[in-house]
Every structure is written in C-alpha cells, then in structure tokens.
N, C-alpha and C. Protein backbone atom coordinates (compact mmCIF):
# COMPACT_ATOMS: atom_id res chain seq x y z
N UNK A 1 -6.05 -5.43 -28.98
CA UNK A 1 -4.62 -5.25 -28.89
C UNK A 1 -4.95 -5.22 -27.11
N UNK A 2 -4.25 -6.44 -26.57
CA UNK A 2 -3.43 -6.63 -25.40
C UNK A 2 -3.96 -5.72 -24.17
N UNK A 3 -4.22 -5.32 -23.35
CA UNK A 3 -3.43 -3.88 -22.20
C UNK A 3 -3.05 -4.52 -21.37
N UNK A 4 -2.75 -4.89 -20.32
CA UNK A 4 -1.72 -5.14 -19.76
C UNK A 4 -2.13 -3.63 -18.28
N UNK A 5 -2.68 -4.32 -16.74
CA UNK A 5 -2.14 -3.85 -15.86
C UNK A 5 -1.61 -4.34 -14.45
N UNK A 6 -0.43 -3.26 -14.72
CA UNK A 6 0.05 -3.47 -13.69
C UNK A 6 -0.53 -3.39 -12.07
N UNK A 7 -0.65 -4.47 -11.82
CA UNK A 7 -1.37 -3.32 -10.50
C UNK A 7 0.29 -2.49 -9.26
N UNK A 8 0.92 -2.51 -9.32
CA UNK A 8 1.88 -2.42 -8.62
C UNK A 8 0.85 -0.41 -8.72
N UNK A 9 0.33 -0.02 -10.05
CA UNK A 9 0.36 1.16 -10.15
C UNK A 9 -0.98 1.09 -9.35
N UNK A 10 -1.29 0.27 -8.95
CA UNK A 10 -3.08 0.71 -8.49
C UNK A 10 -2.36 1.93 -7.07
N UNK A 11 -2.96 2.62 -5.81
CA UNK A 11 -2.53 3.85 -5.03
C UNK A 11 -3.29 3.05 -4.05
N UNK A 12 -3.09 1.89 -3.26
CA UNK A 12 -4.06 1.54 -2.64
C UNK A 12 -2.84 0.82 -1.23
N UNK A 13 -3.69 0.98 0.00
CA UNK A 13 -2.05 1.01 0.95
C UNK A 13 -3.35 -0.39 2.09
N UNK A 14 -2.80 -0.35 2.44
CA UNK A 14 -3.72 -1.80 3.97
C UNK A 14 -5.13 -1.71 4.31
N UNK A 15 -5.41 0.25 4.59
CA UNK A 15 -6.42 0.23 5.71
C UNK A 15 -7.09 -0.25 3.89
N UNK A 16 -7.20 0.45 3.14
CA UNK A 16 -7.98 0.76 2.11
C UNK A 16 -8.59 -0.59 1.93
N UNK A 17 -7.42 -1.65 1.68
CA UNK A 17 -7.51 -3.23 1.34
C UNK A 17 -8.43 -3.59 2.48
N UNK A 18 -8.38 -3.59 3.59
CA UNK A 18 -9.22 -3.50 4.46
C UNK A 18 -10.97 -3.62 4.17
N UNK A 19 -10.55 -2.55 3.84
CA UNK A 19 -11.77 -1.53 4.05
C UNK A 19 -12.99 -2.27 3.13
N UNK A 20 -12.04 -2.46 1.72
CA UNK A 20 -13.23 -3.26 0.54
C UNK A 20 -12.51 -4.23 0.90
N UNK A 21 -12.32 -5.22 1.91
CA UNK A 21 -12.57 -6.51 2.11
C UNK A 21 -13.31 -6.61 3.57
N UNK A 22 -13.45 -5.90 4.40
CA UNK A 22 -14.60 -5.34 5.46
C UNK A 22 -15.78 -5.10 4.45
N UNK A 23 -16.22 -4.44 3.70
CA UNK A 23 -16.86 -4.83 2.17
C UNK A 23 -17.19 -5.84 2.18
N UNK A 24 -17.49 -6.47 1.58
CA UNK A 24 -16.67 -8.24 -0.20
C UNK A 24 -18.02 -9.13 2.00
N UNK A 25 -16.93 -8.53 3.41
CA UNK A 25 -17.58 -10.00 4.13
C UNK A 25 -18.82 -8.83 4.69
N UNK A 26 -18.76 -7.82 4.69
CA UNK A 26 -20.83 -7.68 4.71
C UNK A 26 -21.48 -8.20 4.16
N UNK A 27 -21.09 -8.11 2.86
CA UNK A 27 -21.99 -8.45 1.95
C UNK A 27 -22.70 -9.70 2.14
N UNK A 28 -21.36 -10.94 2.00
CA UNK A 28 -21.78 -12.21 2.43
C UNK A 28 -22.66 -12.62 3.48
N UNK A 29 -21.78 -11.96 4.65
CA UNK A 29 -23.81 -11.98 5.77
C UNK A 29 -24.65 -11.71 4.99
N UNK A 30 -24.60 -10.04 5.24
CA UNK A 30 -25.96 -10.02 4.09
C UNK A 30 -27.22 -11.19 2.60
N UNK A 31 -25.87 -10.97 2.17
CA UNK A 31 -26.41 -11.67 1.03
C UNK A 31 -26.85 -13.10 1.49
N UNK A 32 -26.64 -13.92 2.48
CA UNK A 32 -26.53 -15.17 2.84
C UNK A 32 -26.85 -15.37 4.15
N UNK A 33 -28.29 -15.06 4.72
CA UNK A 33 -28.09 -14.37 5.67
C UNK A 33 -28.14 -16.17 6.43
N UNK A 34 -27.88 -17.20 5.33
CA UNK A 34 -28.06 -18.52 6.76
C UNK A 34 -27.20 -19.48 5.78
N UNK A 35 -26.00 -18.60 6.07
CA UNK A 35 -24.52 -19.75 5.76
C UNK A 35 -24.25 -20.45 6.71
N UNK A 36 -24.10 -20.41 8.01
CA UNK A 36 -24.16 -21.08 9.33
C UNK A 36 -24.76 -21.77 9.00
N UNK A 37 -26.28 -22.12 8.19
CA UNK A 37 -27.41 -22.49 8.96
C UNK A 37 -27.32 -24.02 8.68
N UNK A 38 -26.66 -25.53 8.72
CA UNK A 38 -26.84 -26.07 8.43
C UNK A 38 -27.44 -27.26 9.37
N UNK A 39 -27.69 -28.23 9.25
CA UNK A 39 -28.22 -29.31 9.65
C UNK A 39 -26.85 -30.39 10.65
N UNK A 40 -27.21 -31.31 11.33
CA UNK A 40 -26.64 -31.73 12.39
C UNK A 40 -25.92 -32.52 11.22
N UNK A 41 -26.04 -32.90 10.19
CA UNK A 41 -25.83 -33.66 8.64
C UNK A 41 -24.57 -33.44 8.53
N UNK A 42 -24.85 -31.88 8.36
CA UNK A 42 -23.69 -31.52 7.35
C UNK A 42 -22.82 -30.35 8.50
N UNK A 43 -21.92 -30.34 7.27
CA UNK A 43 -20.65 -29.26 8.60
C UNK A 43 -20.05 -28.13 7.30
N UNK A 44 -19.89 -26.76 7.51
CA UNK A 44 -19.59 -25.87 6.98
C UNK A 44 -17.89 -26.03 6.13
N UNK A 45 -17.53 -25.69 5.44
CA UNK A 45 -16.21 -26.41 5.43
C UNK A 45 -16.13 -24.47 4.77
N UNK A 46 -13.79 -25.01 4.75
CA UNK A 46 -13.27 -23.33 5.28
C UNK A 46 -13.82 -23.60 3.26
N UNK A 47 -13.32 -23.99 2.15
CA UNK A 47 -13.57 -24.56 0.79
C UNK A 47 -15.09 -23.97 0.31
N UNK A 48 -15.93 -24.03 0.54
CA UNK A 48 -17.50 -23.34 0.68
C UNK A 48 -17.60 -21.82 0.87
N UNK A 49 -16.51 -21.73 2.58
CA UNK A 49 -16.63 -20.02 2.68
C UNK A 49 -16.77 -19.23 1.40
N UNK A 50 -14.66 -20.00 1.28
CA UNK A 50 -14.05 -19.51 0.01
C UNK A 50 -15.12 -18.77 -1.28
N UNK A 51 -15.72 -19.89 -1.58
CA UNK A 51 -16.13 -20.20 -3.05
C UNK A 51 -17.36 -18.52 -2.68
N UNK A 52 -18.33 -18.65 -1.62
CA UNK A 52 -19.51 -18.44 -1.13
C UNK A 52 -18.39 -16.45 -1.63
N UNK A 53 -17.36 -15.58 -0.60
CA UNK A 53 -16.68 -15.52 -0.58
C UNK A 53 -15.78 -14.56 -1.54
N UNK A 54 -14.91 -15.51 -2.48
CA UNK A 54 -14.56 -14.27 -3.86
C UNK A 54 -16.02 -14.20 -5.00
N UNK A 55 -16.80 -14.64 -4.92
CA UNK A 55 -18.21 -13.65 -5.63
C UNK A 55 -18.72 -12.19 -4.61
N UNK A 56 -17.96 -11.72 -3.27
CA UNK A 56 -18.35 -10.62 -2.74
C UNK A 56 -16.84 -10.48 -3.54
N UNK A 57 -15.96 -10.34 -3.16
CA UNK A 57 -15.36 -10.19 -3.00
C UNK A 57 -14.52 -9.53 -4.76
N UNK A 58 -15.06 -10.61 -5.51
CA UNK A 58 -14.61 -10.10 -6.93
C UNK A 58 -15.75 -8.77 -7.88
N UNK A 59 -17.24 -9.01 -7.01
CA UNK A 59 -17.87 -7.46 -7.35
C UNK A 59 -17.14 -5.89 -6.24
N UNK A 60 -16.37 -6.21 -5.47
CA UNK A 60 -15.46 -5.07 -5.42
C UNK A 60 -14.88 -4.92 -5.52
N UNK A 61 -13.99 -5.93 -6.20
CA UNK A 61 -12.82 -5.04 -7.11
C UNK A 61 -12.98 -5.32 -8.22
N UNK A 62 -13.30 -5.27 -9.23
CA UNK A 62 -14.16 -5.31 -10.70
C UNK A 62 -13.11 -5.14 -11.40
N UNK A 63 -12.01 -4.43 -11.05
CA UNK A 63 -11.22 -4.04 -11.77
C UNK A 63 -9.70 -5.69 -12.59
N UNK A 64 -10.01 -6.11 -10.86
CA UNK A 64 -9.52 -7.40 -11.55
C UNK A 64 -9.63 -9.19 -11.25
N UNK A 65 -9.28 -10.09 -12.33
CA UNK A 65 -9.45 -11.68 -12.12
C UNK A 65 -9.38 -11.64 -11.08
N UNK A 66 -10.90 -12.60 -10.51
CA UNK A 66 -11.12 -13.19 -9.14
C UNK A 66 -10.32 -15.22 -9.51
N UNK A 67 -9.56 -15.11 -9.11
CA UNK A 67 -9.41 -16.68 -8.91
C UNK A 67 -9.61 -17.31 -8.02
N UNK A 68 -10.41 -18.75 -7.33
CA UNK A 68 -9.49 -19.15 -5.85
C UNK A 68 -9.14 -21.13 -6.41
N UNK A 69 -8.87 -20.93 -5.00
CA UNK A 69 -8.05 -22.21 -5.44
C UNK A 69 -7.21 -22.92 -6.83
N UNK A 70 -6.15 -22.12 -6.96
CA UNK A 70 -5.65 -22.99 -7.89
C UNK A 70 -4.38 -23.08 -7.73
N UNK A 71 -4.21 -23.82 -8.65
CA UNK A 71 -2.59 -24.44 -8.43
C UNK A 71 -0.94 -23.40 -8.86
N UNK A 72 0.03 -24.10 -7.71
CA UNK A 72 1.23 -23.34 -8.43
C UNK A 72 1.95 -24.51 -8.00
N UNK A 73 1.93 -25.11 -9.72
CA UNK A 73 3.35 -25.70 -9.71
C UNK A 73 4.47 -25.74 -9.42
N UNK A 74 4.58 -24.49 -9.67
CA UNK A 74 6.17 -23.90 -9.31
C UNK A 74 6.45 -24.13 -7.55
N UNK A 75 5.08 -24.25 -7.08
CA UNK A 75 5.53 -23.50 -5.97
C UNK A 75 5.38 -24.99 -5.07
N UNK A 76 5.39 -26.09 -5.50
CA UNK A 76 4.96 -27.52 -4.37
C UNK A 76 3.64 -27.46 -4.93
N UNK A 77 3.27 -27.46 -6.02
CA UNK A 77 1.62 -27.33 -5.57
C UNK A 77 1.11 -26.75 -5.11
N UNK A 78 0.76 -25.30 -3.82
CA UNK A 78 -0.05 -24.49 -3.27
C UNK A 78 -0.73 -24.06 -4.14
N UNK A 79 -1.52 -23.77 -2.79
CA UNK A 79 -3.32 -23.25 -3.63
C UNK A 79 -3.28 -22.26 -2.85
N UNK A 80 -3.17 -21.50 -3.06
CA UNK A 80 -4.14 -19.75 -2.49
C UNK A 80 -5.75 -20.50 -2.52
N UNK A 81 -6.24 -19.80 -1.86
CA UNK A 81 -7.62 -19.54 -1.41
C UNK A 81 -8.53 -18.49 -2.76
N UNK A 82 -7.29 -16.91 -2.33
CA UNK A 82 -8.20 -16.27 -3.67
C UNK A 82 -7.19 -15.62 -3.81
N UNK A 83 -6.88 -15.59 -5.24
CA UNK A 83 -6.20 -14.08 -5.46
C UNK A 83 -6.97 -13.52 -6.35
N UNK A 84 -6.04 -12.23 -6.65
CA UNK A 84 -7.05 -10.67 -7.30
C UNK A 84 -5.76 -10.43 -8.41
N UNK A 85 -6.01 -10.49 -9.32
CA UNK A 85 -4.33 -10.69 -10.54
C UNK A 85 -5.26 -10.47 -11.91
N UNK A 86 -4.50 -10.12 -12.94
CA UNK A 86 -4.29 -10.02 -13.76
C UNK A 86 -4.17 -11.56 -14.43
N UNK A 87 -5.06 -12.78 -14.98
CA UNK A 87 -4.34 -13.58 -16.03
C UNK A 87 -3.54 -13.94 -17.06
N UNK A 88 -2.13 -14.37 -17.12
CA UNK A 88 -1.60 -14.40 -17.88
C UNK A 88 -0.13 -13.34 -17.60
N UNK A 89 0.35 -12.90 -16.55
CA UNK A 89 1.32 -12.34 -15.79
C UNK A 89 1.49 -12.40 -14.41
N UNK A 90 2.57 -12.42 -14.11
CA UNK A 90 2.70 -11.99 -13.02
C UNK A 90 3.37 -10.82 -12.25
N UNK A 91 2.80 -9.50 -13.86
CA UNK A 91 3.26 -8.13 -12.73
C UNK A 91 1.87 -7.48 -12.05
N UNK A 92 1.36 -8.30 -12.60
CA UNK A 92 -0.01 -7.50 -12.21
C UNK A 92 -0.83 -8.57 -11.66
N UNK A 93 -0.07 -9.57 -10.26
CA UNK A 93 -0.65 -9.97 -8.55
C UNK A 93 -0.27 -9.66 -7.99
N UNK A 94 -2.17 -8.81 -7.51
CA UNK A 94 -2.71 -8.33 -6.96
C UNK A 94 -1.87 -8.31 -4.94
N UNK A 95 -3.16 -9.39 -4.97
CA UNK A 95 -3.58 -9.60 -3.64
C UNK A 95 -4.62 -10.92 -3.24
N UNK A 96 -3.61 -11.97 -2.87
CA UNK A 96 -4.28 -12.98 -2.34
C UNK A 96 -4.94 -13.72 -0.95
N UNK A 97 -5.15 -13.88 -0.96
CA UNK A 97 -5.97 -14.22 -0.14
C UNK A 97 -6.75 -15.38 0.89
N UNK A 98 -5.62 -15.53 2.01
CA UNK A 98 -5.93 -17.06 2.33
C UNK A 98 -6.97 -16.88 3.81
N UNK A 99 -8.06 -18.21 3.58
CA UNK A 99 -8.86 -17.61 4.46
C UNK A 99 -9.44 -19.01 5.48
N UNK A 100 -9.75 -18.77 6.83
CA UNK A 100 -9.87 -19.63 8.11
C UNK A 100 -11.20 -19.74 8.90
N UNK A 101 -11.18 -20.96 9.28
CA UNK A 101 -12.73 -20.87 10.15
C UNK A 101 -12.86 -20.38 11.89
N UNK A 102 -10.60 -20.26 12.01
CA UNK A 102 -10.97 -19.66 13.43
C UNK A 102 -10.10 -18.84 13.34
N UNK A 103 -9.61 -17.80 14.46
CA UNK A 103 -8.46 -16.70 14.80
C UNK A 103 -7.07 -17.77 14.93
N UNK A 104 -7.29 -18.53 15.21
CA UNK A 104 -6.31 -19.52 15.75
C UNK A 104 -5.03 -20.01 15.15
N UNK A 105 -5.61 -19.58 13.68
CA UNK A 105 -5.17 -19.96 12.58
C UNK A 105 -4.28 -18.80 11.57
N UNK A 106 -4.65 -17.90 11.91
CA UNK A 106 -4.30 -16.64 11.34
C UNK A 106 -3.01 -15.91 11.47
N UNK A 107 -2.55 -16.40 12.37
CA UNK A 107 -1.00 -16.47 12.52
C UNK A 107 0.11 -16.74 11.66
N UNK A 108 0.11 -18.33 11.85
CA UNK A 108 0.71 -18.96 10.48
C UNK A 108 0.10 -19.06 9.23
N UNK A 109 -0.94 -18.56 8.94
CA UNK A 109 -1.49 -18.11 7.04
C UNK A 109 -0.68 -16.74 7.08
N UNK A 110 0.12 -15.80 7.79
CA UNK A 110 0.42 -14.15 7.37
C UNK A 110 1.58 -14.53 7.37
N UNK A 111 2.52 -15.71 7.84
CA UNK A 111 3.53 -15.72 7.59
C UNK A 111 3.89 -16.77 6.47
N UNK A 112 2.50 -18.39 6.05
CA UNK A 112 2.22 -19.16 5.09
C UNK A 112 2.50 -17.38 2.91
N UNK A 113 1.97 -16.51 3.98
CA UNK A 113 1.63 -15.62 2.36
C UNK A 113 3.17 -14.64 2.82
N UNK A 114 3.85 -14.30 3.52
CA UNK A 114 5.19 -14.05 3.33
C UNK A 114 6.09 -14.96 2.76
N UNK A 115 5.86 -15.98 2.82
CA UNK A 115 6.91 -16.79 2.57
C UNK A 115 6.73 -17.70 1.02
N UNK A 116 5.29 -18.09 0.53
CA UNK A 116 5.06 -18.51 -0.04
C UNK A 116 5.00 -17.30 -1.35
N UNK A 117 3.42 -16.45 -1.49
CA UNK A 117 3.24 -15.38 -1.88
C UNK A 117 3.56 -14.04 -1.74
N UNK A 118 5.00 -13.79 -1.29
CA UNK A 118 5.26 -12.42 -1.63
C UNK A 118 6.46 -12.73 -2.68
N UNK A 119 7.20 -14.14 -1.83
CA UNK A 119 8.57 -14.00 -2.42
C UNK A 119 8.56 -14.36 -3.90
N UNK A 120 9.61 -15.18 -4.52
CA UNK A 120 9.72 -16.29 -5.86
C UNK A 120 8.55 -15.05 -6.90
N UNK A 121 8.89 -15.45 -8.26
CA UNK A 121 7.91 -14.92 -9.17
C UNK A 121 6.66 -13.96 -9.06
N UNK A 122 5.99 -14.73 -7.91
CA UNK A 122 4.57 -14.08 -7.80
C UNK A 122 4.14 -12.82 -7.93
N UNK A 123 4.64 -12.07 -5.86
CA UNK A 123 5.36 -11.41 -6.21
C UNK A 123 4.09 -10.79 -5.68
N UNK A 124 3.42 -11.59 -5.42
CA UNK A 124 2.22 -10.54 -4.96
C UNK A 124 1.95 -9.34 -3.95
N UNK A 125 0.99 -8.20 -4.51
CA UNK A 125 1.60 -6.39 -4.03
C UNK A 125 1.18 -7.31 -1.99
N UNK A 126 -0.15 -6.90 -2.40
CA UNK A 126 -0.42 -7.74 -0.52
C UNK A 126 -0.99 -8.95 -0.40
N UNK A 127 -1.43 -9.02 1.02
CA UNK A 127 -2.12 -10.57 1.59
C UNK A 127 -2.91 -10.21 2.42
N UNK A 128 -4.27 -11.62 2.30
CA UNK A 128 -4.71 -11.20 3.91
C UNK A 128 -5.37 -12.63 3.98
N UNK A 129 -5.43 -12.40 5.48
CA UNK A 129 -5.80 -13.42 5.68
C UNK A 129 -7.65 -12.76 6.14
N UNK A 130 -8.29 -14.14 6.71
CA UNK A 130 -9.72 -13.61 6.80
C UNK A 130 -10.38 -14.93 8.34
N UNK A 131 -10.20 -14.60 8.51
CA UNK A 131 -11.30 -15.75 9.77
C UNK A 131 -12.81 -15.31 9.52
N UNK A 132 -13.50 -16.41 9.56
CA UNK A 132 -14.72 -16.30 9.07
C UNK A 132 -15.63 -17.48 10.32
N UNK A 133 -16.15 -16.44 10.76
CA UNK A 133 -17.05 -17.36 11.76
C UNK A 133 -18.63 -17.59 12.32
N UNK A 134 -18.84 -17.88 13.02
CA UNK A 134 -20.66 -17.70 12.61
C UNK A 134 -21.38 -16.45 12.46
N UNK A 135 -20.94 -15.89 13.50
CA UNK A 135 -21.40 -14.62 13.76
C UNK A 135 -20.18 -13.45 13.52
N UNK A 136 -18.99 -13.65 13.09
CA UNK A 136 -18.42 -12.61 12.95
C UNK A 136 -16.56 -12.47 12.30
N UNK A 137 -16.17 -11.99 11.98
CA UNK A 137 -14.50 -11.82 10.93
C UNK A 137 -13.61 -10.90 11.24
N UNK A 138 -12.78 -11.78 11.43
CA UNK A 138 -11.08 -10.71 11.01
C UNK A 138 -10.47 -11.68 9.81
N UNK A 139 -9.87 -9.90 9.59
CA UNK A 139 -9.17 -9.21 8.56
C UNK A 139 -7.84 -8.70 8.96
N UNK A 140 -6.48 -9.50 8.42
CA UNK A 140 -5.72 -9.07 8.30
C UNK A 140 -4.96 -8.46 6.72
N UNK A 141 -4.06 -7.21 7.19
CA UNK A 141 -3.66 -7.47 5.35
C UNK A 141 -2.35 -7.03 5.62
N UNK A 142 -1.37 -6.96 4.92
CA UNK A 142 -0.30 -7.44 4.82
C UNK A 142 0.96 -6.51 4.10
N UNK A 143 1.00 -5.50 3.84
CA UNK A 143 1.45 -5.21 1.81
C UNK A 143 3.67 -6.16 2.13
N UNK A 144 3.93 -6.20 0.62
CA UNK A 144 5.08 -6.96 0.12
C UNK A 144 5.70 -5.45 0.02
N UNK A 145 6.36 -5.87 1.22
CA UNK A 145 7.75 -4.43 0.91
C UNK A 145 8.75 -5.13 0.13
N UNK A 146 9.23 -4.28 -0.79
CA UNK A 146 10.54 -4.26 -2.12
C UNK A 146 11.99 -4.24 -1.45
C-alpha cells in the first residue's frame, strides 16, 4: 500500500527551515573542508556545490525525497537546484532550493521562486535561496502564502 505524505501537514515555519538549512551548510563546511581548494586550472561551479549540499540536505530532511536539477517541462524546462518532495505527487512539494555563488544574485532568485515554484500545480510550500561563498553563506527562506 502506497502512503502519500502531504507536506502541508508539516508544522514548520521559515525560521525552522532556515535553522535546518544552516545545519546542512555547517555540515557541508565541516565535512568538505577543502571544498573551495581548487588549483588555478579548476574553478568551483554552482552545480558542484548543489550536488554536495544536496547530500547534507537529504540527511537533515530524511522524511522527504531529495532531487537535484530536475527538469520541469510544463514550465519551459526550468530546473530547480534542489527539491524536497515526495515523488509522484504535487501535494507533497515541500521545499525548493536555489543555490548561488554570490549574495548579489539572491533577490532575483527569490522572485523566480515565487513566480515559478509557488504557482501552477507545483505549489511548493517553501522556497529557499542560498548564497554559498568560500567562508560563509546566506540563507533566505520564504513561505508560499495561500
């Protein structure tokens, strides 16, 4: 028997999600101390950071499926960086995460989150935009208001 988990029943708020994401990022910096130690011939990419962060996020939110860089064909093939949901149903779309390499890109992605991931049938409950820099990070969490 398939059990459908409705993320709308999850009693979390923006501060609690931010706290969990802070824990995931702290673990990322602890577990990958050399994450930014590339040679002059190699540079860090956003996608590489997303991949490493998703592993930590998956451990912090074990009750959800965690997917990276999935394509949303009904939205012009837009691709969220990380999603927490239950596969196979839109009723359990919990959190969409966009990752950036600089703080200056956060505001635009907050707007993108509201427009792309909160509307339509996807209807994610929360959105987060995270800027990951060499020695620090910034997290902005927003709630999808009904």
